[in-house]
C-alpha cells in the first residue's frame, strides 16, 4: 500500500492556492479595467448625444434664419418646406387664438385655468381604504365627524 506523503500534499495545496490567487487577481484586474472602459464609453456616448442635440439646435437656428431672411424669395428647391412651415405657423396662430378665447371664457366664469390644480394623492392607502386605515391615527376633525354620525 502506498504511503501518504503529507509534505507533498502540503506543497501541491500551496501551489494550487497560489495559482487560484494569481487567477483571482487577473480576473479582478480585468473586471476593474472593463468597468473603467464602460464608464469612459458611457461618458463619450453622453458627450456625443449632447453634441448631436447642440448640432440639431444649430441646424434649426440656421434654417429659421434662412427662412426669415428669404421667405419672400425662397429657392424653388425649398418651396415645399417653406409651404409646410407657413401652414404650421397658421395652425399655431389659429390654436393660440382658440386658447385666448378659452381663457376669456374661463375668466368670465371666474375660473383660473392657468393655475395648476392642487391635487393630493394618499399613496399609502390601499384601494377602498380611507385615510388612517393603515394604523395611523385619524385627525381630530375626523374623530368629531365620526362622533356626530354615531349619535
N, C-alpha and C. Protein backbone atom coordinates (compact mmCIF):
# COMPACT_ATOMS: atom_id res chain seq x y z
N UNK A 1 0.84 -1.16 0.00
CA UNK A 1 0.00 0.00 0.00
C UNK A 1 0.90 1.23 0.00
N UNK A 2 0.51 2.22 -0.84
CA UNK A 2 1.33 3.43 -0.94
C UNK A 2 1.09 4.30 0.27
N UNK A 3 2.15 4.91 0.69
CA UNK A 3 2.03 5.77 1.86
C UNK A 3 1.67 7.19 1.43
N UNK A 4 0.96 7.84 2.29
CA UNK A 4 0.53 9.22 2.03
C UNK A 4 1.64 10.16 2.47
N UNK A 5 2.11 11.02 1.51
CA UNK A 5 3.18 11.97 1.81
C UNK A 5 2.53 13.33 2.11
N UNK A 6 2.45 13.65 3.39
CA UNK A 6 1.80 14.88 3.82
C UNK A 6 2.54 16.11 3.29
N UNK A 7 3.86 16.07 3.24
CA UNK A 7 4.64 17.22 2.76
C UNK A 7 4.37 17.48 1.28
N UNK A 8 4.25 16.39 0.50
CA UNK A 8 3.93 16.54 -0.93
C UNK A 8 2.54 17.14 -1.10
N UNK A 9 1.57 16.68 -0.30
CA UNK A 9 0.21 17.20 -0.31
C UNK A 9 0.20 18.69 0.04
N UNK A 10 0.94 19.04 1.06
CA UNK A 10 1.03 20.43 1.51
C UNK A 10 1.63 21.31 0.40
N UNK A 11 2.65 20.81 -0.28
CA UNK A 11 3.30 21.55 -1.37
C UNK A 11 2.32 21.77 -2.53
N UNK A 12 1.59 20.72 -2.91
CA UNK A 12 0.60 20.82 -4.00
C UNK A 12 -0.52 21.79 -3.62
N UNK A 13 -0.97 21.74 -2.38
CA UNK A 13 -2.04 22.63 -1.92
C UNK A 13 -1.58 24.08 -1.98
N UNK A 14 -0.35 24.35 -1.59
CA UNK A 14 0.19 25.71 -1.63
C UNK A 14 0.30 26.19 -3.07
N UNK A 15 0.76 25.32 -3.98
CA UNK A 15 0.86 25.70 -5.39
C UNK A 15 -0.52 26.01 -5.97
N UNK A 16 -1.50 25.16 -5.63
CA UNK A 16 -2.87 25.37 -6.13
C UNK A 16 -3.44 26.67 -5.58
N UNK A 17 -3.23 26.94 -4.30
CA UNK A 17 -3.72 28.19 -3.70
C UNK A 17 -3.06 29.39 -4.36
N UNK A 18 -1.79 29.29 -4.65
CA UNK A 18 -1.08 30.38 -5.33
C UNK A 18 -1.64 30.60 -6.73
N UNK A 19 -1.92 29.53 -7.45
CA UNK A 19 -2.49 29.64 -8.80
C UNK A 19 -3.87 30.30 -8.74
N UNK A 20 -4.67 29.87 -7.76
CA UNK A 20 -6.01 30.45 -7.61
C UNK A 20 -5.90 31.93 -7.28
N UNK A 21 -4.98 32.30 -6.41
CA UNK A 21 -4.80 33.71 -6.05
C UNK A 21 -4.37 34.52 -7.27
N UNK A 22 -3.45 33.97 -8.06
CA UNK A 22 -3.00 34.66 -9.26
C UNK A 22 -4.15 34.86 -10.24
N UNK A 23 -4.94 33.80 -10.45
CA UNK A 23 -6.08 33.89 -11.37
C UNK A 23 -7.11 34.88 -10.85
N UNK A 24 -7.34 34.88 -9.54
CA UNK A 24 -8.31 35.82 -8.95
C UNK A 24 -7.84 37.25 -9.15
N UNK A 25 -6.54 37.50 -8.98
CA UNK A 25 -6.00 38.83 -9.19
C UNK A 25 -6.16 39.25 -10.65
N UNK A 26 -5.93 38.33 -11.58
CA UNK A 26 -6.09 38.63 -13.01
C UNK A 26 -7.54 38.97 -13.32
N UNK A 27 -8.46 38.18 -12.77
CA UNK A 27 -9.89 38.41 -13.01
C UNK A 27 -10.30 39.76 -12.43
N UNK A 28 -9.84 40.07 -11.22
CA UNK A 28 -10.17 41.35 -10.59
C UNK A 28 -9.64 42.52 -11.43
N UNK A 29 -8.43 42.37 -11.95
CA UNK A 29 -7.83 43.42 -12.76
C UNK A 29 -8.64 43.61 -14.05
N UNK A 30 -9.05 42.49 -14.68
CA UNK A 30 -9.85 42.57 -15.90
C UNK A 30 -11.21 43.21 -15.64
N UNK A 31 -11.83 42.85 -14.52
CA UNK A 31 -13.14 43.42 -14.17
C UNK A 31 -13.00 44.92 -13.94
N UNK A 32 -11.97 45.34 -13.22
CA UNK A 32 -11.75 46.77 -12.98
C UNK A 32 -11.50 47.51 -14.30
N UNK A 33 -10.70 46.91 -15.18
CA UNK A 33 -10.41 47.54 -16.47
C UNK A 33 -11.68 47.66 -17.30
N UNK A 34 -12.51 46.60 -17.29
CA UNK A 34 -13.75 46.65 -18.06
C UNK A 34 -14.69 47.71 -17.50
N UNK A 35 -14.77 47.82 -16.17
CA UNK A 35 -15.63 48.83 -15.57
C UNK A 35 -15.17 50.23 -15.96
N UNK A 36 -13.85 50.45 -15.95
CA UNK A 36 -13.31 51.76 -16.34
C UNK A 36 -13.61 52.05 -17.80
N UNK A 37 -13.45 51.06 -18.66
CA UNK A 37 -13.72 51.25 -20.08
C UNK A 37 -15.21 51.52 -20.33
N UNK A 38 -16.07 50.79 -19.60
CA UNK A 38 -17.51 51.02 -19.76
C UNK A 38 -17.90 52.41 -19.29
N UNK A 39 -17.28 52.89 -18.21
CA UNK A 39 -17.56 54.24 -17.74
C UNK A 39 -17.13 55.27 -18.77
N UNK A 40 -15.94 55.09 -19.35
CA UNK A 40 -15.47 56.00 -20.39
C UNK A 40 -16.39 55.96 -21.61
N UNK A 41 -16.84 54.75 -21.97
CA UNK A 41 -17.75 54.60 -23.11
C UNK A 41 -19.05 55.35 -22.85
N UNK A 42 -19.60 55.20 -21.64
CA UNK A 42 -20.86 55.88 -21.29
C UNK A 42 -20.69 57.39 -21.35
N UNK A 43 -19.57 57.90 -20.83
CA UNK A 43 -19.32 59.34 -20.86
C UNK A 43 -19.18 59.84 -22.29
N UNK A 44 -18.42 59.12 -23.11
CA UNK A 44 -18.27 59.52 -24.50
C UNK A 44 -19.60 59.48 -25.25
N UNK A 45 -20.40 58.44 -24.98
CA UNK A 45 -21.72 58.35 -25.63
C UNK A 45 -22.61 59.51 -25.21
N UNK A 46 -22.56 59.88 -23.94
CA UNK A 46 -23.35 61.02 -23.46
C UNK A 46 -22.85 62.31 -24.10
N UNK A 47 -21.53 62.47 -24.22
CA UNK A 47 -20.97 63.66 -24.86
C UNK A 47 -21.40 63.75 -26.32
N UNK A 48 -21.38 62.60 -27.01
CA UNK A 48 -21.80 62.57 -28.42
C UNK A 48 -23.27 62.95 -28.54
N UNK A 49 -24.11 62.40 -27.67
CA UNK A 49 -25.54 62.71 -27.70
C UNK A 49 -25.76 64.21 -27.44
N UNK A 50 -25.01 64.77 -26.51
CA UNK A 50 -25.13 66.20 -26.23
C UNK A 50 -24.73 67.05 -27.42
N UNK A 51 -23.65 66.67 -28.07
CA UNK A 51 -23.20 67.40 -29.26
C UNK A 51 -24.20 67.26 -30.41
N UNK A 52 -24.80 66.08 -30.54
CA UNK A 52 -25.82 65.90 -31.59
C UNK A 52 -27.01 66.81 -31.33
N UNK A 53 -27.41 66.93 -30.06
CA UNK A 53 -28.51 67.83 -29.70
C UNK A 53 -28.15 69.27 -30.01
N UNK A 54 -26.92 69.66 -29.69
CA UNK A 54 -26.44 71.01 -29.99
C UNK A 54 -26.43 71.25 -31.50
N UNK A 55 -25.96 70.28 -32.25
CA UNK A 55 -25.92 70.38 -33.70
C UNK A 55 -27.33 70.52 -34.28
N UNK A 56 -28.27 69.73 -33.75
CA UNK A 56 -29.66 69.79 -34.22
C UNK A 56 -30.23 71.20 -33.97
N UNK A 57 -29.95 71.77 -32.78
CA UNK A 57 -30.44 73.12 -32.49
C UNK A 57 -29.80 74.15 -33.43
N UNK A 58 -28.52 73.98 -33.74
CA UNK A 58 -27.84 74.91 -34.64
C UNK A 58 -28.40 74.81 -36.05
N UNK A 59 -28.68 73.60 -36.51
CA UNK A 59 -29.31 73.43 -37.82
C UNK A 59 -30.68 74.11 -37.84
N UNK A 60 -31.45 73.93 -36.76
CA UNK A 60 -32.77 74.55 -36.69
C UNK A 60 -32.66 76.07 -36.72
N UNK A 61 -31.69 76.59 -35.97
CA UNK A 61 -31.49 78.03 -35.94
C UNK A 61 -31.10 78.56 -37.32
N UNK A 62 -30.18 77.84 -37.98
CA UNK A 62 -29.76 78.24 -39.33
C UNK A 62 -30.95 78.22 -40.29
N UNK A 63 -31.74 77.17 -40.20
CA UNK A 63 -32.92 77.06 -41.08
C UNK A 63 -33.90 78.19 -40.82
N UNK A 64 -34.10 78.52 -39.56
CA UNK A 64 -35.02 79.62 -39.22
C UNK A 64 -34.48 80.94 -39.73
N UNK A 65 -33.17 81.17 -39.55
CA UNK A 65 -32.57 82.41 -40.04
C UNK A 65 -32.70 82.52 -41.56
N UNK A 66 -32.45 81.41 -42.26
CA UNK A 66 -32.58 81.40 -43.72
C UNK A 66 -34.02 81.68 -44.11
N UNK A 67 -34.94 80.99 -43.44
CA UNK A 67 -36.36 81.16 -43.77
C UNK A 67 -36.79 82.61 -43.53
N UNK A 68 -36.42 83.16 -42.36
CA UNK A 68 -36.81 84.53 -42.04
C UNK A 68 -36.23 85.53 -43.05
N UNK A 69 -35.01 85.30 -43.48
CA UNK A 69 -34.35 86.23 -44.40
C UNK A 69 -34.88 86.13 -45.83
N UNK A 70 -35.18 84.90 -46.27
CA UNK A 70 -35.53 84.70 -47.68
C UNK A 70 -36.95 84.19 -47.91
N UNK A 71 -37.85 84.31 -46.94
CA UNK A 71 -39.18 83.70 -47.11
C UNK A 71 -39.95 84.27 -48.29
N UNK A 72 -39.66 85.47 -48.71
CA UNK A 72 -40.33 86.03 -49.88
C UNK A 72 -39.74 85.52 -51.19
N UNK A 73 -38.50 85.11 -51.19
CA UNK A 73 -37.87 84.65 -52.42
C UNK A 73 -37.07 83.39 -52.20
N UNK A 74 -37.72 82.40 -51.63
CA UNK A 74 -37.03 81.14 -51.33
C UNK A 74 -36.74 80.37 -52.60
N UNK A 75 -35.59 79.76 -52.62
CA UNK A 75 -35.16 78.89 -53.72
C UNK A 75 -36.25 77.83 -53.96
N UNK A 76 -36.60 77.56 -55.23
CA UNK A 76 -37.64 76.56 -55.52
C UNK A 76 -37.37 75.18 -54.91
N UNK A 77 -36.11 74.86 -54.67
CA UNK A 77 -35.80 73.57 -54.05
C UNK A 77 -36.35 73.48 -52.62
N UNK A 78 -36.58 74.64 -52.02
CA UNK A 78 -37.06 74.67 -50.63
C UNK A 78 -38.51 75.12 -50.53
N UNK A 79 -39.19 75.27 -51.65
CA UNK A 79 -40.56 75.79 -51.67
C UNK A 79 -41.53 74.89 -50.88
N UNK A 80 -41.41 73.58 -51.05
CA UNK A 80 -42.31 72.66 -50.34
C UNK A 80 -42.14 72.81 -48.84
N UNK A 81 -40.91 72.84 -48.38
CA UNK A 81 -40.65 73.00 -46.94
C UNK A 81 -41.17 74.34 -46.45
N UNK A 82 -40.98 75.39 -47.25
CA UNK A 82 -41.46 76.72 -46.86
C UNK A 82 -42.98 76.73 -46.75
N UNK A 83 -43.66 76.07 -47.67
CA UNK A 83 -45.12 75.99 -47.63
C UNK A 83 -45.59 75.24 -46.38
N UNK A 84 -44.89 74.17 -46.04
CA UNK A 84 -45.25 73.41 -44.83
C UNK A 84 -45.02 74.24 -43.58
N UNK A 85 -43.96 75.04 -43.58
CA UNK A 85 -43.70 75.94 -42.44
C UNK A 85 -44.82 76.96 -42.31
N UNK A 86 -45.22 77.56 -43.42
CA UNK A 86 -46.31 78.54 -43.40
C UNK A 86 -47.59 77.92 -42.86
N UNK A 87 -47.90 76.71 -43.29
CA UNK A 87 -49.10 76.01 -42.83
C UNK A 87 -49.02 75.77 -41.32
N UNK A 88 -47.87 75.34 -40.84
CA UNK A 88 -47.70 75.12 -39.40
C UNK A 88 -47.85 76.42 -38.63
N UNK A 89 -47.28 77.51 -39.14
CA UNK A 89 -47.42 78.81 -38.47
C UNK A 89 -48.87 79.25 -38.41
N UNK A 90 -49.62 79.00 -39.48
CA UNK A 90 -51.04 79.34 -39.50
C UNK A 90 -51.81 78.50 -38.46
N UNK A 91 -51.50 77.21 -38.38
CA UNK A 91 -52.16 76.34 -37.41
C UNK A 91 -51.86 76.80 -35.99
N UNK A 92 -50.61 77.17 -35.72
CA UNK A 92 -50.23 77.64 -34.39
C UNK A 92 -51.00 78.91 -34.05
N UNK A 93 -51.08 79.85 -34.99
CA UNK A 93 -51.80 81.10 -34.75
C UNK A 93 -53.27 80.82 -34.47
N UNK A 94 -53.86 79.89 -35.22
CA UNK A 94 -55.26 79.54 -35.02
C UNK A 94 -55.49 78.93 -33.64
N UNK A 95 -54.61 78.00 -33.24
CA UNK A 95 -54.74 77.36 -31.93
C UNK A 95 -54.51 78.37 -30.81
N UNK A 96 -53.60 79.33 -31.01
CA UNK A 96 -53.37 80.35 -29.99
C UNK A 96 -54.59 81.24 -29.84
N UNK A 97 -55.26 81.55 -30.95
CA UNK A 97 -56.48 82.34 -30.89
C UNK A 97 -57.57 81.57 -30.13
N UNK A 98 -57.70 80.27 -30.40
CA UNK A 98 -58.66 79.44 -29.68
C UNK A 98 -58.34 79.42 -28.18
N UNK A 99 -57.06 79.34 -27.86
CA UNK A 99 -56.63 79.32 -26.46
C UNK A 99 -57.00 80.63 -25.77
N UNK A 100 -56.81 81.75 -26.45
CA UNK A 100 -57.17 83.04 -25.87
C UNK A 100 -58.67 83.14 -25.65
N UNK A 101 -59.47 82.62 -26.59
CA UNK A 101 -60.92 82.59 -26.43
C UNK A 101 -61.31 81.73 -25.22
N UNK A 102 -60.64 80.59 -25.07
CA UNK A 102 -60.92 79.70 -23.95
C UNK A 102 -60.58 80.39 -22.62
N UNK A 103 -59.47 81.08 -22.58
CA UNK A 103 -59.08 81.81 -21.37
C UNK A 103 -60.10 82.89 -21.04
N UNK A 104 -60.57 83.61 -22.07
CA UNK A 104 -61.57 84.66 -21.85
C UNK A 104 -62.87 84.06 -21.32
N UNK A 105 -63.27 82.93 -21.87
CA UNK A 105 -64.48 82.24 -21.42
C UNK A 105 -64.34 81.80 -19.96
N UNK A 106 -63.19 81.26 -19.62
CA UNK A 106 -62.95 80.82 -18.24
C UNK A 106 -62.92 82.01 -17.30
N UNK A 107 -62.30 83.09 -17.74
CA UNK A 107 -62.22 84.29 -16.90
C UNK A 107 -63.61 84.86 -16.64
N UNK A 108 -64.49 84.81 -17.66
CA UNK A 108 -65.86 85.30 -17.50
C UNK A 108 -66.60 84.48 -16.43
N UNK A 109 -66.21 83.22 -16.27
CA UNK A 109 -66.82 82.36 -15.25
C UNK A 109 -66.03 82.38 -13.94
N UNK A 110 -65.02 83.26 -13.88
CA UNK A 110 -64.15 83.39 -12.70
C UNK A 110 -63.39 82.10 -12.40
N UNK A 111 -62.90 81.47 -13.46
CA UNK A 111 -62.10 80.24 -13.35
C UNK A 111 -60.71 80.53 -13.88
N UNK A 112 -59.71 80.22 -13.06
CA UNK A 112 -58.32 80.44 -13.47
C UNK A 112 -57.78 79.13 -14.04
N UNK A 113 -57.68 79.06 -15.37
CA UNK A 113 -57.19 77.82 -15.99
C UNK A 113 -55.67 77.81 -16.15
N UNK A 114 -55.02 78.92 -15.79
CA UNK A 114 -53.56 78.94 -15.86
C UNK A 114 -52.93 78.38 -14.60
N UNK A 115 -53.68 78.32 -13.53
CA UNK A 115 -53.15 77.81 -12.26
C UNK A 115 -53.25 76.29 -12.25
N UNK A 116 -52.17 75.66 -11.83
CA UNK A 116 -52.16 74.20 -11.74
C UNK A 116 -53.04 73.78 -10.55
N UNK A 117 -53.86 72.76 -10.73
CA UNK A 117 -54.68 72.31 -9.60
C UNK A 117 -53.82 71.68 -8.52
N UNK A 118 -54.23 71.86 -7.27
CA UNK A 118 -53.51 71.29 -6.14
C UNK A 118 -54.17 69.95 -5.82
N UNK A 119 -53.61 68.89 -6.38
CA UNK A 119 -54.16 67.55 -6.20
C UNK A 119 -53.24 66.77 -5.29
N UNK A 120 -53.80 66.19 -4.23
CA UNK A 120 -53.01 65.39 -3.31
C UNK A 120 -53.53 63.96 -3.36
N UNK A 121 -52.60 63.03 -3.44
CA UNK A 121 -52.95 61.62 -3.50
C UNK A 121 -52.29 60.91 -2.34
N UNK A 122 -53.07 60.12 -1.60
CA UNK A 122 -52.53 59.35 -0.49
C UNK A 122 -52.01 58.04 -1.06
N UNK A 123 -50.69 57.93 -1.18
CA UNK A 123 -50.08 56.75 -1.78
C UNK A 123 -50.02 55.58 -0.80
N UNK A 124 -50.25 55.83 0.48
CA UNK A 124 -50.17 54.76 1.47
C UNK A 124 -51.47 53.95 1.57
N UNK A 125 -52.58 54.58 1.28
CA UNK A 125 -53.87 53.89 1.42
C UNK A 125 -54.05 52.91 0.26
N UNK A 126 -54.52 51.71 0.60
CA UNK A 126 -54.80 50.72 -0.43
C UNK A 126 -56.18 50.97 -0.99
N UNK A 127 -56.50 50.35 -2.13
CA UNK A 127 -57.80 50.54 -2.76
C UNK A 127 -58.91 50.27 -1.77
N UNK A 128 -59.84 51.19 -1.71
CA UNK A 128 -61.01 51.01 -0.87
C UNK A 128 -60.80 51.41 0.58
N UNK A 129 -59.58 51.73 0.97
CA UNK A 129 -59.33 52.13 2.35
C UNK A 129 -59.37 53.64 2.46
N UNK A 130 -59.83 54.11 3.60
CA UNK A 130 -59.85 55.54 3.84
C UNK A 130 -58.59 55.93 4.57
N UNK A 131 -58.35 57.23 4.67
CA UNK A 131 -57.20 57.73 5.43
C UNK A 131 -57.24 57.16 6.83
N UNK A 132 -56.09 56.80 7.38
CA UNK A 132 -56.00 56.30 8.73
C UNK A 132 -56.23 54.82 8.83
N UNK A 133 -56.48 54.13 7.72
CA UNK A 133 -56.81 52.71 7.78
C UNK A 133 -55.57 51.84 7.98
N UNK A 134 -54.38 52.39 7.85
CA UNK A 134 -53.18 51.58 7.99
C UNK A 134 -52.49 51.84 9.31
N UNK A 135 -53.25 51.92 10.35
CA UNK A 135 -52.68 52.07 11.67
C UNK A 135 -52.36 53.51 12.04
N UNK A 136 -52.73 54.46 11.20
CA UNK A 136 -52.50 55.85 11.52
C UNK A 136 -53.67 56.37 12.32
N UNK A 137 -53.39 57.29 13.18
CA UNK A 137 -54.43 57.90 13.97
C UNK A 137 -55.17 58.93 13.13
N UNK A 138 -56.52 58.90 13.11
CA UNK A 138 -57.25 59.93 12.38
C UNK A 138 -57.08 61.27 13.09
N UNK A 139 -57.17 62.35 12.33
CA UNK A 139 -57.02 63.64 12.99
C UNK A 139 -58.29 63.98 13.77
N UNK A 140 -58.24 65.02 14.56
CA UNK A 140 -59.33 65.36 15.46
C UNK A 140 -60.61 65.69 14.72
N UNK A 141 -60.54 66.32 13.54
CA UNK A 141 -61.76 66.66 12.81
C UNK A 141 -62.48 65.40 12.33
N UNK A 142 -61.73 64.37 11.95
CA UNK A 142 -62.35 63.11 11.55
C UNK A 142 -63.02 62.44 12.74
N UNK A 143 -62.37 62.49 13.89
CA UNK A 143 -62.96 61.90 15.10
C UNK A 143 -64.25 62.60 15.46
N UNK A 144 -64.29 63.94 15.33
CA UNK A 144 -65.50 64.71 15.64
C UNK A 144 -66.62 64.34 14.69
N UNK A 145 -66.30 64.22 13.39
CA UNK A 145 -67.31 63.84 12.40
C UNK A 145 -67.85 62.46 12.69
N UNK A 146 -66.95 61.49 13.04
CA UNK A 146 -67.39 60.15 13.37
C UNK A 146 -68.30 60.14 14.58
N UNK A 147 -67.98 60.97 15.57
CA UNK A 147 -68.80 61.03 16.79
C UNK A 147 -70.17 61.59 16.49
N UNK A 148 -70.26 62.61 15.62
CA UNK A 148 -71.56 63.19 15.28
C UNK A 148 -72.40 62.20 14.49
N UNK A 149 -71.77 61.43 13.60
CA UNK A 149 -72.52 60.45 12.82
C UNK A 149 -73.05 59.33 13.71
N UNK A 150 -72.33 59.00 14.77
CA UNK A 150 -72.72 57.91 15.64
C UNK A 150 -73.78 58.26 16.67
N UNK A 151 -74.23 59.52 16.74
CA UNK A 151 -75.25 59.96 17.73
C UNK A 151 -76.54 59.27 17.54
